[in-house]
N, C-alpha and C. Protein backbone atom coordinates (compact mmCIF):
# COMPACT_ATOMS: atom_id res chain seq x y z
N MET A 1 164.75 133.68 147.07
CA MET A 1 164.31 132.38 146.61
C MET A 1 165.32 131.33 147.07
N PHE A 2 164.78 130.26 147.62
CA PHE A 2 165.61 129.18 148.13
C PHE A 2 165.95 128.22 147.01
N SER A 3 167.15 127.69 147.04
CA SER A 3 167.60 126.76 146.01
C SER A 3 167.98 125.43 146.64
N ALA A 4 167.74 124.37 145.91
CA ALA A 4 168.10 123.03 146.37
C ALA A 4 169.60 122.88 146.53
N SER A 5 170.37 123.72 145.87
CA SER A 5 171.83 123.63 145.95
C SER A 5 172.35 124.01 147.34
N LYS A 6 171.52 124.62 148.16
CA LYS A 6 171.92 124.99 149.53
C LYS A 6 171.84 123.80 150.49
N LEU A 7 171.30 122.70 150.03
CA LEU A 7 171.15 121.52 150.88
C LEU A 7 172.36 120.61 150.74
N THR A 8 172.74 120.00 151.85
CA THR A 8 173.82 119.02 151.82
C THR A 8 173.26 117.69 151.33
N PRO A 9 174.13 116.78 150.90
CA PRO A 9 173.64 115.45 150.48
C PRO A 9 172.87 114.73 151.58
N ASP A 10 173.30 114.91 152.85
CA ASP A 10 172.58 114.27 153.96
C ASP A 10 171.18 114.85 154.12
N GLN A 11 171.05 116.17 153.91
CA GLN A 11 169.74 116.80 154.02
C GLN A 11 168.81 116.34 152.89
N VAL A 12 169.38 116.16 151.71
CA VAL A 12 168.59 115.67 150.58
C VAL A 12 168.08 114.27 150.88
N ILE A 13 168.97 113.42 151.42
CA ILE A 13 168.58 112.05 151.77
C ILE A 13 167.48 112.06 152.82
N ALA A 14 167.59 112.96 153.80
CA ALA A 14 166.57 113.05 154.86
C ALA A 14 165.23 113.46 154.26
N LEU A 15 165.23 114.43 153.35
CA LEU A 15 163.98 114.85 152.70
C LEU A 15 163.36 113.69 151.91
N GLN A 16 164.21 112.94 151.21
CA GLN A 16 163.72 111.79 150.44
C GLN A 16 163.09 110.74 151.35
N GLN A 17 163.74 110.51 152.50
CA GLN A 17 163.21 109.51 153.44
C GLN A 17 161.87 109.96 154.02
N TRP A 18 161.78 111.24 154.39
CA TRP A 18 160.51 111.74 154.94
C TRP A 18 159.40 111.64 153.90
N ALA A 19 159.73 111.96 152.66
CA ALA A 19 158.73 111.85 151.59
C ALA A 19 158.31 110.40 151.40
N ALA A 20 159.26 109.47 151.45
CA ALA A 20 158.95 108.04 151.30
C ALA A 20 158.08 107.53 152.44
N GLU A 21 158.19 108.18 153.61
CA GLU A 21 157.39 107.79 154.77
C GLU A 21 156.00 108.42 154.75
N GLY A 22 155.73 109.24 153.72
CA GLY A 22 154.39 109.81 153.58
C GLY A 22 154.26 111.27 153.98
N ALA A 23 155.39 111.96 154.15
CA ALA A 23 155.33 113.37 154.51
C ALA A 23 154.68 114.19 153.39
N THR A 24 153.92 115.19 153.78
CA THR A 24 153.29 116.09 152.81
C THR A 24 154.23 117.25 152.52
N MET A 25 153.82 118.08 151.59
CA MET A 25 154.61 119.26 151.25
C MET A 25 154.78 120.15 152.48
N SER A 26 153.72 120.32 153.25
CA SER A 26 153.78 121.14 154.47
C SER A 26 154.73 120.52 155.49
N ASP A 27 154.71 119.20 155.60
CA ASP A 27 155.61 118.51 156.52
C ASP A 27 157.06 118.77 156.13
N LEU A 28 157.35 118.68 154.84
CA LEU A 28 158.73 118.90 154.37
C LEU A 28 159.15 120.35 154.60
N GLN A 29 158.24 121.27 154.40
CA GLN A 29 158.52 122.69 154.67
C GLN A 29 158.87 122.87 156.15
N ARG A 30 158.11 122.23 157.01
CA ARG A 30 158.36 122.32 158.46
C ARG A 30 159.71 121.69 158.81
N HIS A 31 160.04 120.54 158.20
CA HIS A 31 161.34 119.90 158.44
C HIS A 31 162.48 120.81 157.99
N LEU A 32 162.31 121.45 156.85
CA LEU A 32 163.36 122.37 156.38
C LEU A 32 163.63 123.46 157.41
N LYS A 33 162.58 123.93 158.05
CA LYS A 33 162.75 124.99 159.04
C LYS A 33 163.25 124.43 160.37
N ASP A 34 162.55 123.45 160.91
CA ASP A 34 162.86 122.95 162.25
C ASP A 34 164.17 122.17 162.31
N ASP A 35 164.43 121.34 161.30
CA ASP A 35 165.59 120.47 161.36
C ASP A 35 166.84 121.07 160.71
N PHE A 36 166.63 121.91 159.70
CA PHE A 36 167.78 122.43 158.96
C PHE A 36 167.97 123.94 159.09
N GLY A 37 166.96 124.63 159.67
CA GLY A 37 167.10 126.07 159.87
C GLY A 37 166.81 126.92 158.64
N PHE A 38 166.18 126.34 157.61
CA PHE A 38 165.85 127.10 156.41
C PHE A 38 164.37 127.52 156.47
N THR A 39 164.12 128.81 156.52
CA THR A 39 162.75 129.29 156.46
C THR A 39 162.42 129.53 154.99
N VAL A 40 161.53 128.68 154.46
CA VAL A 40 161.20 128.76 153.04
C VAL A 40 159.68 128.83 152.88
N THR A 41 159.28 129.40 151.77
CA THR A 41 157.85 129.47 151.47
C THR A 41 157.37 128.12 150.97
N TYR A 42 156.08 127.98 150.92
CA TYR A 42 155.49 126.75 150.41
C TYR A 42 155.89 126.55 148.94
N MET A 43 155.88 127.65 148.19
CA MET A 43 156.23 127.57 146.76
C MET A 43 157.70 127.17 146.60
N ASP A 44 158.59 127.74 147.42
CA ASP A 44 160.00 127.34 147.35
C ASP A 44 160.16 125.86 147.69
N THR A 45 159.37 125.39 148.65
CA THR A 45 159.42 123.97 149.01
C THR A 45 159.02 123.12 147.81
N ARG A 46 157.99 123.56 147.11
CA ARG A 46 157.56 122.83 145.90
C ARG A 46 158.69 122.77 144.88
N PHE A 47 159.36 123.91 144.67
CA PHE A 47 160.44 123.95 143.69
C PHE A 47 161.60 123.05 144.10
N VAL A 48 161.93 123.03 145.39
CA VAL A 48 163.02 122.18 145.88
C VAL A 48 162.67 120.71 145.65
N ILE A 49 161.44 120.34 145.97
CA ILE A 49 160.99 118.95 145.79
C ILE A 49 161.06 118.57 144.31
N LEU A 50 160.63 119.49 143.44
CA LEU A 50 160.71 119.23 141.99
C LEU A 50 162.15 119.13 141.52
N ASP A 51 163.00 120.06 141.99
CA ASP A 51 164.41 120.04 141.59
C ASP A 51 165.10 118.74 142.00
N LEU A 52 164.75 118.24 143.18
CA LEU A 52 165.39 117.03 143.69
C LEU A 52 164.73 115.75 143.15
N GLY A 53 163.61 115.89 142.46
CA GLY A 53 162.93 114.73 141.89
C GLY A 53 162.26 113.86 142.93
N ILE A 54 161.90 114.45 144.05
CA ILE A 54 161.26 113.70 145.13
C ILE A 54 159.79 113.51 144.79
N GLN A 55 159.32 112.28 144.90
CA GLN A 55 157.92 111.95 144.65
C GLN A 55 157.19 111.87 145.98
N LEU A 56 156.17 112.68 146.13
CA LEU A 56 155.35 112.62 147.34
C LEU A 56 154.30 111.53 147.18
N ILE A 57 154.02 110.86 148.26
CA ILE A 57 153.02 109.80 148.25
C ILE A 57 151.67 110.44 148.53
N GLU A 58 150.77 110.31 147.56
CA GLU A 58 149.43 110.85 147.75
C GLU A 58 148.54 109.76 148.28
N GLU A 59 147.86 110.07 149.38
CA GLU A 59 146.93 109.10 149.93
C GLU A 59 145.69 109.09 149.05
N PRO A 60 145.19 107.91 148.76
CA PRO A 60 143.98 107.86 147.94
C PRO A 60 142.84 108.57 148.64
N LYS A 61 142.15 109.37 147.86
CA LYS A 61 141.02 110.10 148.43
C LYS A 61 139.87 109.14 148.66
N ALA A 62 139.26 109.29 149.81
CA ALA A 62 138.13 108.43 150.13
C ALA A 62 136.97 108.83 149.24
N GLU A 63 136.40 107.84 148.59
CA GLU A 63 135.27 108.12 147.73
C GLU A 63 134.07 108.41 148.61
N PRO A 64 133.30 109.41 148.21
CA PRO A 64 132.13 109.73 149.03
C PRO A 64 131.17 108.54 149.08
N LYS A 65 130.67 108.31 150.26
CA LYS A 65 129.75 107.19 150.43
C LYS A 65 128.41 107.58 149.84
N ILE A 66 127.90 106.68 149.05
CA ILE A 66 126.58 106.89 148.47
C ILE A 66 125.59 106.22 149.41
N GLU A 67 124.73 107.07 149.95
CA GLU A 67 123.76 106.53 150.88
C GLU A 67 122.75 105.71 150.11
N ASP A 68 122.51 104.53 150.63
CA ASP A 68 121.52 103.68 150.01
C ASP A 68 120.14 104.21 150.35
N LYS A 69 119.43 104.64 149.31
CA LYS A 69 118.07 105.09 149.52
C LYS A 69 117.20 103.86 149.67
N PRO A 70 116.25 103.92 150.57
CA PRO A 70 115.36 102.77 150.67
C PRO A 70 114.60 102.60 149.37
N ALA A 71 114.36 101.37 149.03
CA ALA A 71 113.64 101.09 147.79
C ALA A 71 112.24 101.68 147.89
N PRO A 72 111.76 102.27 146.78
CA PRO A 72 110.41 102.82 146.82
C PRO A 72 109.39 101.73 147.11
N ILE A 73 108.38 102.12 147.85
CA ILE A 73 107.34 101.17 148.22
C ILE A 73 106.18 101.31 147.23
N PRO A 74 105.92 100.29 146.44
CA PRO A 74 104.81 100.38 145.49
C PRO A 74 103.48 100.51 146.21
N THR A 75 102.69 101.49 145.79
CA THR A 75 101.38 101.69 146.40
C THR A 75 100.27 101.24 145.49
N GLY A 76 100.59 101.08 144.20
CA GLY A 76 99.58 100.66 143.24
C GLY A 76 98.73 101.80 142.71
N GLU A 77 98.93 103.00 143.21
CA GLU A 77 98.17 104.14 142.72
C GLU A 77 99.05 105.37 142.62
N VAL A 78 98.60 106.34 141.84
CA VAL A 78 99.31 107.59 141.66
C VAL A 78 98.70 108.62 142.62
N THR A 79 99.58 109.33 143.34
CA THR A 79 99.13 110.36 144.25
C THR A 79 99.81 111.67 143.89
N THR A 80 99.02 112.72 143.67
CA THR A 80 99.56 114.01 143.27
C THR A 80 99.14 115.06 144.29
N THR A 81 100.12 115.88 144.74
CA THR A 81 99.83 116.97 145.66
C THR A 81 100.36 118.28 145.09
N MET A 82 99.79 119.38 145.58
CA MET A 82 100.23 120.71 145.15
C MET A 82 100.90 121.39 146.34
N ASP A 83 102.03 122.06 146.08
CA ASP A 83 102.75 122.77 147.13
C ASP A 83 101.98 124.01 147.56
N THR A 84 102.07 124.33 148.86
CA THR A 84 101.50 125.59 149.34
C THR A 84 102.46 126.73 149.01
N LEU A 85 103.76 126.44 149.01
CA LEU A 85 104.77 127.41 148.58
C LEU A 85 105.32 126.93 147.24
N THR A 86 105.02 127.66 146.20
CA THR A 86 105.40 127.27 144.85
C THR A 86 106.90 127.42 144.64
N LEU A 87 107.47 126.53 143.86
CA LEU A 87 108.90 126.61 143.51
C LEU A 87 109.18 127.92 142.77
N PRO A 88 110.37 128.50 142.94
CA PRO A 88 110.71 129.73 142.22
C PRO A 88 110.61 129.53 140.71
N GLY A 89 109.99 130.47 140.03
CA GLY A 89 109.85 130.40 138.58
C GLY A 89 108.68 129.57 138.11
N ALA A 90 107.90 129.02 139.04
CA ALA A 90 106.78 128.16 138.66
C ALA A 90 105.47 128.87 138.96
N LEU A 91 104.48 128.55 138.15
CA LEU A 91 103.13 129.03 138.40
C LEU A 91 102.50 128.19 139.51
N VAL A 92 102.67 126.87 139.40
CA VAL A 92 102.27 125.91 140.43
C VAL A 92 103.29 124.79 140.45
N SER A 93 103.39 124.12 141.58
CA SER A 93 104.31 122.99 141.70
C SER A 93 103.79 122.04 142.75
N GLY A 94 104.38 120.87 142.80
CA GLY A 94 103.96 119.89 143.78
C GLY A 94 104.77 118.62 143.68
N LYS A 95 104.23 117.56 144.26
CA LYS A 95 104.92 116.28 144.27
C LYS A 95 103.97 115.20 143.76
N VAL A 96 104.54 114.16 143.20
CA VAL A 96 103.75 113.04 142.71
C VAL A 96 104.45 111.75 143.13
N THR A 97 103.66 110.78 143.56
CA THR A 97 104.15 109.44 143.84
C THR A 97 103.46 108.51 142.86
N PHE A 98 104.26 107.80 142.07
CA PHE A 98 103.70 106.91 141.06
C PHE A 98 103.38 105.56 141.67
N SER A 99 102.69 104.71 140.93
CA SER A 99 102.21 103.43 141.44
C SER A 99 103.32 102.50 141.89
N ASP A 100 104.53 102.67 141.31
CA ASP A 100 105.64 101.81 141.69
C ASP A 100 106.43 102.36 142.88
N GLY A 101 105.95 103.47 143.47
CA GLY A 101 106.59 104.05 144.65
C GLY A 101 107.60 105.14 144.34
N GLU A 102 107.95 105.32 143.09
CA GLU A 102 108.89 106.39 142.72
C GLU A 102 108.21 107.74 142.89
N THR A 103 109.01 108.74 143.29
CA THR A 103 108.48 110.08 143.52
C THR A 103 109.16 111.08 142.61
N ALA A 104 108.48 112.22 142.41
CA ALA A 104 109.03 113.27 141.56
C ALA A 104 108.42 114.60 141.98
N VAL A 105 109.10 115.67 141.61
CA VAL A 105 108.59 117.02 141.80
C VAL A 105 108.08 117.47 140.43
N TRP A 106 106.89 118.06 140.41
CA TRP A 106 106.35 118.56 139.16
C TRP A 106 106.16 120.07 139.26
N MET A 107 106.08 120.71 138.10
CA MET A 107 105.83 122.15 138.08
C MET A 107 105.25 122.55 136.73
N LEU A 108 104.55 123.66 136.73
CA LEU A 108 104.14 124.33 135.51
C LEU A 108 104.76 125.72 135.57
N ASP A 109 105.53 126.08 134.53
CA ASP A 109 106.17 127.39 134.56
C ASP A 109 105.18 128.48 134.14
N GLN A 110 105.65 129.73 134.11
CA GLN A 110 104.80 130.87 133.81
C GLN A 110 104.17 130.79 132.42
N SER A 111 104.77 130.01 131.53
CA SER A 111 104.22 129.85 130.18
C SER A 111 103.31 128.63 130.07
N GLY A 112 103.12 127.91 131.18
CA GLY A 112 102.27 126.73 131.17
C GLY A 112 102.97 125.46 130.75
N ARG A 113 104.31 125.51 130.61
CA ARG A 113 105.06 124.31 130.23
C ARG A 113 105.26 123.43 131.46
N PRO A 114 104.99 122.14 131.32
CA PRO A 114 105.16 121.23 132.46
C PRO A 114 106.61 120.80 132.63
N GLY A 115 106.94 120.47 133.85
CA GLY A 115 108.26 119.92 134.15
C GLY A 115 108.11 118.83 135.19
N LEU A 116 108.91 117.78 135.08
CA LEU A 116 108.87 116.67 136.02
C LEU A 116 110.30 116.31 136.38
N ASP A 117 110.64 116.35 137.66
CA ASP A 117 111.99 116.05 138.13
C ASP A 117 111.94 114.85 139.06
N PRO A 118 112.18 113.64 138.54
CA PRO A 118 112.11 112.45 139.39
C PRO A 118 113.26 112.40 140.39
N ASP A 119 113.00 111.79 141.54
CA ASP A 119 114.05 111.63 142.56
C ASP A 119 115.12 110.66 142.11
N THR A 120 114.76 109.69 141.29
CA THR A 120 115.71 108.73 140.74
C THR A 120 116.07 109.17 139.34
N ALA A 121 117.36 109.44 139.12
CA ALA A 121 117.80 109.91 137.81
C ALA A 121 117.43 108.91 136.72
N GLY A 122 116.88 109.43 135.64
CA GLY A 122 116.53 108.59 134.50
C GLY A 122 115.20 107.85 134.62
N TYR A 123 114.50 108.05 135.73
CA TYR A 123 113.23 107.35 135.91
C TYR A 123 112.18 107.86 134.92
N ARG A 124 111.41 106.94 134.36
CA ARG A 124 110.31 107.29 133.46
C ARG A 124 109.09 106.49 133.89
N PRO A 125 108.02 107.17 134.28
CA PRO A 125 106.80 106.44 134.68
C PRO A 125 106.15 105.78 133.48
N ASN A 126 105.36 104.74 133.75
CA ASN A 126 104.67 104.06 132.66
C ASN A 126 103.49 104.91 132.17
N GLN A 127 102.91 104.55 131.04
CA GLN A 127 101.85 105.34 130.41
C GLN A 127 100.60 105.46 131.29
N GLU A 128 100.25 104.39 131.99
CA GLU A 128 99.07 104.44 132.86
C GLU A 128 99.28 105.45 133.98
N ASP A 129 100.48 105.47 134.55
CA ASP A 129 100.77 106.42 135.63
C ASP A 129 100.76 107.86 135.11
N ILE A 130 101.27 108.06 133.91
CA ILE A 130 101.27 109.41 133.33
C ILE A 130 99.83 109.90 133.13
N ALA A 131 98.98 109.02 132.62
CA ALA A 131 97.59 109.39 132.40
C ALA A 131 96.91 109.73 133.73
N ALA A 132 97.13 108.91 134.75
CA ALA A 132 96.53 109.17 136.07
C ALA A 132 97.08 110.48 136.66
N PHE A 133 98.38 110.72 136.50
CA PHE A 133 99.00 111.95 136.98
C PHE A 133 98.38 113.17 136.29
N GLN A 134 98.20 113.10 134.97
CA GLN A 134 97.62 114.22 134.23
C GLN A 134 96.19 114.51 134.68
N GLN A 135 95.42 113.48 134.92
CA GLN A 135 94.04 113.67 135.39
C GLN A 135 94.03 114.32 136.77
N GLN A 136 94.89 113.83 137.67
CA GLN A 136 94.93 114.39 139.02
C GLN A 136 95.45 115.83 138.99
N LEU A 137 96.42 116.09 138.14
CA LEU A 137 96.97 117.44 138.03
C LEU A 137 95.91 118.41 137.51
N ARG A 138 95.17 117.99 136.50
CA ARG A 138 94.10 118.83 135.95
C ARG A 138 93.07 119.14 137.05
N ALA A 139 92.69 118.14 137.84
CA ALA A 139 91.71 118.34 138.91
C ALA A 139 92.26 119.27 139.98
N LEU A 140 93.52 119.12 140.35
CA LEU A 140 94.12 120.01 141.36
C LEU A 140 94.16 121.46 140.89
N ILE A 141 94.51 121.66 139.64
CA ILE A 141 94.60 123.02 139.11
C ILE A 141 93.22 123.65 139.02
N GLN A 142 92.22 122.89 138.58
CA GLN A 142 90.86 123.43 138.52
C GLN A 142 90.35 123.76 139.91
N LYS A 143 90.66 122.90 140.86
CA LYS A 143 90.20 123.11 142.24
C LYS A 143 90.85 124.36 142.86
N SER A 144 92.11 124.63 142.49
CA SER A 144 92.80 125.79 143.06
C SER A 144 92.38 127.09 142.40
N GLY A 145 91.75 127.03 141.24
CA GLY A 145 91.27 128.22 140.57
C GLY A 145 92.30 128.93 139.72
N ILE A 146 93.39 128.26 139.40
CA ILE A 146 94.44 128.88 138.59
C ILE A 146 94.10 128.76 137.13
């Protein structure tokens, strides 16, 4: 196990300067080997940095870009379709586009319980759209013979 006491004051100052310039833990480990001749593990490097009180500069993580979804295009009517390949665990499934352009995936599970998963989190269709969706869903299921 490597100890910080094996470093000279000049080596400690050099490590502090590299850290202040943005060096990472791996960079400091490499400097210990290449510049000072100390072959140390990553964990030993961590302990040395902690023992010396050196603060590493963490670069702010880039926040993931949220892609702007195009605004739904209102069609004025509800359109319901049934999937040819049913979702796993579903008796039947499909997609629905509501009058305001919002879309959702629907399903009926093996017990006949309905499920609706809108593409926009928290979206709730209005009562007229729900009624139209239920009528279209009933017609699709009767037509398919399920």
